[in-house]
Amino acid sequence: MMYRFRLNSATLAVQRCDGGRGVAILMPIGAEIATADLPSPGAQNPSSLVNVRWQEKTVSIFLVDLLERGEPMDMDRA
């Protein structure tokens, strides 16, 4: 199952590049993202990173940012 969100505020993310280095990117207000990594409430530290798909890229954001800045959209059943 994929969980889809729309960001209500700009949010920092990290994109992994060749060589394993991470580059900070800013996802804008209204960005639509999807993840299959959403943990159950209380199961993980809110400062943990979650992998999400955005503009056909996989990036990582903090779970707390996803939950506080993201508005749930319809879920895709995949």
Protein backbone atom coordinates (compact mmCIF):
# COMPACT_ATOMS: atom_id res chain seq x y z
CA MET A 1 0.00 0.00 0.00
CA MET A 2 1.25 3.47 -0.86
CA TYR A 3 0.46 6.41 1.37
CA ARG A 4 0.13 9.73 -0.47
CA PHE A 5 0.60 13.19 1.02
CA ARG A 6 0.50 16.80 -0.16
CA LEU A 7 2.88 19.16 1.65
CA ASN A 8 1.33 22.20 3.32
CA SER A 9 4.69 23.93 3.73
CA ALA A 10 8.11 23.73 2.12
CA THR A 11 10.08 20.80 3.52
CA LEU A 12 13.74 19.83 3.43
CA ALA A 13 14.66 16.43 2.06
CA VAL A 14 17.89 14.56 1.33
CA GLN A 15 18.58 13.05 -2.05
CA ARG A 16 21.33 10.43 -2.26
CA CYS A 17 23.79 10.93 -5.10
CA ASP A 18 26.42 8.72 -6.67
CA GLY A 19 29.06 7.88 -4.11
CA GLY A 20 26.55 7.84 -1.26
CA ARG A 21 26.65 11.56 -0.57
CA GLY A 22 23.42 13.32 0.30
CA VAL A 23 22.27 16.62 -1.14
CA ALA A 24 19.68 18.76 0.64
CA ILE A 25 16.74 19.77 -1.53
CA LEU A 26 13.65 21.82 -0.77
CA MET A 27 10.30 20.32 -1.66
CA PRO A 28 7.81 23.15 -2.28
CA ILE A 29 4.35 23.75 -0.84
CA GLY A 30 1.90 21.51 -2.67
CA ALA A 31 4.46 18.82 -3.52
CA GLU A 32 2.79 15.43 -3.80
CA ILE A 33 4.76 12.56 -2.30
CA ALA A 34 4.17 8.86 -1.73
CA THR A 35 5.66 6.32 0.65
CA ALA A 36 5.26 2.68 1.57
CA ASP A 37 7.44 3.22 4.67
CA LEU A 38 4.90 4.87 6.96
CA PRO A 39 5.33 3.27 10.41
CA SER A 40 2.48 2.70 12.81
CA PRO A 41 1.98 5.47 15.38
CA GLY A 42 4.54 5.27 18.18
CA ALA A 43 6.53 2.57 16.38
CA GLN A 44 9.46 4.82 15.42
CA ASN A 45 11.28 7.87 16.60
CA PRO A 46 9.73 10.95 14.91
CA SER A 47 13.24 12.13 14.02
CA SER A 48 13.82 9.01 11.90
CA LEU A 49 14.04 9.35 8.12
CA VAL A 50 11.36 8.03 5.77
CA ASN A 51 11.94 7.35 2.08
CA VAL A 52 9.39 9.01 -0.20
CA ARG A 53 8.86 9.30 -3.96
CA TRP A 54 8.71 12.82 -5.34
CA GLN A 55 9.01 13.82 -9.01
CA GLU A 56 10.13 10.29 -9.89
CA LYS A 57 13.00 10.48 -7.37
CA THR A 58 13.45 8.76 -4.04
CA VAL A 59 14.32 11.22 -1.28
CA SER A 60 14.37 11.01 2.52
CA ILE A 61 12.52 13.30 4.92
CA PHE A 62 12.04 13.28 8.67
CA LEU A 63 8.96 11.40 9.83
CA VAL A 64 7.93 14.37 11.98
CA ASP A 65 8.01 16.65 8.91
CA LEU A 66 5.86 14.22 6.95
CA LEU A 67 3.29 13.96 9.73
CA GLU A 68 3.21 17.66 10.64
CA ARG A 69 3.53 19.21 7.18
CA GLY A 70 1.85 16.58 5.03
CA GLU A 71 -1.86 16.31 4.37
CA PRO A 72 -2.99 12.74 3.64
CA MET A 73 -4.46 12.16 0.18
CA ASP A 74 -6.36 9.16 -1.17
CA MET A 75 -4.41 5.94 -0.67
CA ASP A 76 -3.32 3.83 -3.63
CA ARG A 77 -3.68 0.14 -3.19
CA ALA A 78 -0.68 -1.37 -4.91
